[in-house]
Amino acid sequence: MTVAEAITQPQVAHRGSLVEVEDGWGRYQVPDSPFKFAKAEVKARSWVAEIGQYDDAIRAELDLPEKSA
């Protein structure tokens, strides 16, 4: 069985094994977490961060100097 065949299996849809995400290139499907917990929601986010999107917040949290131009 190929990967393309495997992801079209009914069990993949039933378990929610793929999730749609969106970034600057568009919308596409990615594998979701294979783990399912009774009292916690563990799943892929529906968006992808842009490169550098959190740089300032991370630098501030780590007390690093601001990025120079």
N, C-alpha and C. Protein backbone atom coordinates (compact mmCIF):
# COMPACT_ATOMS: atom_id res chain seq x y z
N MET A 1 0.85 -1.18 0.00
CA MET A 1 0.00 0.00 0.00
C MET A 1 0.90 1.24 0.00
N THR A 2 0.58 2.21 -0.84
CA THR A 2 1.35 3.45 -0.90
C THR A 2 0.82 4.43 0.16
N VAL A 3 1.58 5.48 0.41
CA VAL A 3 1.14 6.51 1.35
C VAL A 3 -0.15 7.15 0.83
N ALA A 4 -0.21 7.43 -0.46
CA ALA A 4 -1.42 8.02 -1.04
C ALA A 4 -2.64 7.13 -0.82
N GLU A 5 -2.46 5.82 -0.94
CA GLU A 5 -3.55 4.89 -0.70
C GLU A 5 -3.91 4.83 0.79
N ALA A 6 -2.88 4.83 1.63
CA ALA A 6 -3.11 4.72 3.07
C ALA A 6 -3.92 5.89 3.62
N ILE A 7 -3.64 7.10 3.17
CA ILE A 7 -4.34 8.26 3.74
C ILE A 7 -5.78 8.38 3.26
N THR A 8 -6.17 7.58 2.29
CA THR A 8 -7.57 7.59 1.84
C THR A 8 -8.40 6.50 2.51
N GLN A 9 -7.80 5.73 3.41
CA GLN A 9 -8.52 4.67 4.10
C GLN A 9 -9.56 5.26 5.05
N PRO A 10 -10.73 4.64 5.18
CA PRO A 10 -11.79 5.14 6.06
C PRO A 10 -11.34 5.34 7.51
N GLN A 11 -10.45 4.49 8.00
CA GLN A 11 -9.99 4.60 9.39
C GLN A 11 -9.22 5.91 9.61
N VAL A 12 -8.50 6.37 8.61
CA VAL A 12 -7.75 7.63 8.72
C VAL A 12 -8.72 8.78 8.94
N ALA A 13 -9.78 8.83 8.18
CA ALA A 13 -10.79 9.88 8.35
C ALA A 13 -11.52 9.74 9.69
N HIS A 14 -11.87 8.52 10.06
CA HIS A 14 -12.60 8.27 11.30
C HIS A 14 -11.81 8.73 12.52
N ARG A 15 -10.51 8.49 12.54
CA ARG A 15 -9.68 8.89 13.68
C ARG A 15 -9.22 10.33 13.59
N GLY A 16 -9.52 11.03 12.51
CA GLY A 16 -9.07 12.41 12.37
C GLY A 16 -7.56 12.48 12.26
N SER A 17 -6.97 11.54 11.54
CA SER A 17 -5.51 11.45 11.46
C SER A 17 -4.88 12.55 10.64
N LEU A 18 -5.64 13.22 9.80
CA LEU A 18 -5.12 14.34 9.02
C LEU A 18 -5.88 15.59 9.40
N VAL A 19 -5.18 16.72 9.42
CA VAL A 19 -5.80 17.99 9.74
C VAL A 19 -5.37 19.01 8.69
N GLU A 20 -6.28 19.90 8.35
CA GLU A 20 -5.96 20.93 7.36
C GLU A 20 -5.32 22.13 8.06
N VAL A 21 -4.20 22.61 7.52
CA VAL A 21 -3.53 23.79 8.04
C VAL A 21 -3.41 24.82 6.92
N GLU A 22 -3.11 26.04 7.31
CA GLU A 22 -2.97 27.12 6.33
C GLU A 22 -1.74 27.93 6.66
N ASP A 23 -0.99 28.29 5.63
CA ASP A 23 0.14 29.20 5.79
C ASP A 23 0.17 30.12 4.58
N GLY A 24 1.26 30.81 4.37
CA GLY A 24 1.35 31.75 3.27
C GLY A 24 1.26 31.11 1.89
N TRP A 25 1.39 29.80 1.81
CA TRP A 25 1.33 29.09 0.54
C TRP A 25 -0.04 28.51 0.26
N GLY A 26 -0.94 28.54 1.26
CA GLY A 26 -2.28 28.02 1.04
C GLY A 26 -2.69 27.03 2.11
N ARG A 27 -3.70 26.23 1.79
CA ARG A 27 -4.23 25.22 2.72
C ARG A 27 -3.79 23.84 2.25
N TYR A 28 -3.44 22.97 3.21
CA TYR A 28 -3.06 21.61 2.88
C TYR A 28 -3.23 20.73 4.12
N GLN A 29 -3.18 19.43 3.92
CA GLN A 29 -3.36 18.49 5.03
C GLN A 29 -2.02 17.99 5.54
N VAL A 30 -1.94 17.85 6.87
CA VAL A 30 -0.75 17.30 7.53
C VAL A 30 -1.21 16.24 8.52
N PRO A 31 -0.31 15.32 8.89
CA PRO A 31 -0.68 14.33 9.91
C PRO A 31 -0.93 15.02 11.25
N ASP A 32 -2.00 14.62 11.91
CA ASP A 32 -2.29 15.11 13.26
C ASP A 32 -1.58 14.21 14.25
N SER A 33 -1.60 14.57 15.50
CA SER A 33 -0.97 13.75 16.53
C SER A 33 -1.60 12.36 16.53
N PRO A 34 -0.79 11.31 16.60
CA PRO A 34 -1.35 9.95 16.64
C PRO A 34 -1.90 9.59 18.01
N PHE A 35 -1.66 10.43 19.01
CA PHE A 35 -2.08 10.12 20.37
C PHE A 35 -3.45 10.73 20.65
N LYS A 36 -4.32 9.97 21.27
CA LYS A 36 -5.64 10.42 21.68
C LYS A 36 -5.75 10.24 23.19
N PHE A 37 -6.12 11.30 23.91
CA PHE A 37 -6.24 11.24 25.36
C PHE A 37 -7.68 11.53 25.76
N ALA A 38 -8.13 10.89 26.82
CA ALA A 38 -9.51 11.06 27.27
C ALA A 38 -9.76 12.47 27.81
N LYS A 39 -8.78 13.06 28.49
CA LYS A 39 -9.01 14.34 29.16
C LYS A 39 -8.12 15.47 28.67
N ALA A 40 -7.56 15.32 27.49
CA ALA A 40 -6.71 16.38 26.93
C ALA A 40 -6.84 16.39 25.42
N GLU A 41 -6.79 17.58 24.86
CA GLU A 41 -6.86 17.72 23.41
C GLU A 41 -5.45 17.99 22.88
N VAL A 42 -4.93 17.05 22.12
CA VAL A 42 -3.60 17.17 21.52
C VAL A 42 -3.80 17.11 20.02
N LYS A 43 -3.52 18.22 19.34
CA LYS A 43 -3.73 18.22 17.90
C LYS A 43 -2.87 19.28 17.23
N ALA A 44 -2.71 19.14 15.94
CA ALA A 44 -1.96 20.12 15.17
C ALA A 44 -2.76 21.42 15.11
N ARG A 45 -2.05 22.52 15.09
CA ARG A 45 -2.73 23.82 14.95
C ARG A 45 -3.20 23.98 13.51
N SER A 46 -4.18 24.83 13.31
CA SER A 46 -4.73 25.03 11.96
C SER A 46 -3.97 26.08 11.17
N TRP A 47 -2.85 26.56 11.71
CA TRP A 47 -2.03 27.54 11.00
C TRP A 47 -0.56 27.27 11.30
N VAL A 48 0.29 27.79 10.45
CA VAL A 48 1.73 27.62 10.59
C VAL A 48 2.35 28.99 10.78
N ALA A 49 3.20 29.12 11.79
CA ALA A 49 3.85 30.41 12.06
C ALA A 49 4.79 30.78 10.91
N GLU A 50 4.88 32.05 10.64
CA GLU A 50 5.82 32.55 9.65
C GLU A 50 7.23 32.55 10.25
N ILE A 51 8.24 32.44 9.41
CA ILE A 51 9.62 32.49 9.90
C ILE A 51 9.85 33.81 10.61
N GLY A 52 10.34 33.73 11.83
CA GLY A 52 10.63 34.93 12.61
C GLY A 52 9.45 35.54 13.33
N GLN A 53 8.27 34.96 13.20
CA GLN A 53 7.05 35.54 13.78
C GLN A 53 7.16 35.73 15.29
N TYR A 54 7.86 34.83 15.97
CA TYR A 54 7.94 34.90 17.43
C TYR A 54 9.32 35.30 17.94
N ASP A 55 10.18 35.76 17.05
CA ASP A 55 11.54 36.12 17.46
C ASP A 55 11.57 37.10 18.62
N ASP A 56 10.82 38.19 18.52
CA ASP A 56 10.85 39.23 19.56
C ASP A 56 10.38 38.69 20.90
N ALA A 57 9.31 37.90 20.90
CA ALA A 57 8.78 37.35 22.15
C ALA A 57 9.77 36.38 22.79
N ILE A 58 10.41 35.56 21.97
CA ILE A 58 11.38 34.60 22.50
C ILE A 58 12.61 35.33 23.05
N ARG A 59 13.10 36.32 22.31
CA ARG A 59 14.25 37.10 22.79
C ARG A 59 13.93 37.78 24.12
N ALA A 60 12.74 38.34 24.23
CA ALA A 60 12.35 39.02 25.46
C ALA A 60 12.27 38.02 26.62
N GLU A 61 11.70 36.86 26.37
CA GLU A 61 11.56 35.86 27.43
C GLU A 61 12.92 35.35 27.91
N LEU A 62 13.89 35.30 27.01
CA LEU A 62 15.23 34.81 27.35
C LEU A 62 16.18 35.94 27.73
N ASP A 63 15.66 37.16 27.82
CA ASP A 63 16.49 38.34 28.11
C ASP A 63 17.65 38.51 27.15
N LEU A 64 17.39 38.26 25.88
CA LEU A 64 18.39 38.46 24.84
C LEU A 64 18.22 39.84 24.22
N PRO A 65 19.28 40.41 23.70
CA PRO A 65 19.14 41.74 23.07
C PRO A 65 18.26 41.68 21.83
N GLU A 66 17.67 42.80 21.49
CA GLU A 66 16.83 42.87 20.28
C GLU A 66 17.68 42.59 19.05
N LYS A 67 17.05 42.05 18.04
CA LYS A 67 17.75 41.74 16.80
C LYS A 67 18.18 43.04 16.14
N SER A 68 19.44 43.11 15.74
CA SER A 68 19.93 44.31 15.07
C SER A 68 19.56 44.28 13.60
N ALA A 69 19.43 45.46 13.01
CA ALA A 69 18.99 45.56 11.63
C ALA A 69 20.00 45.05 10.65
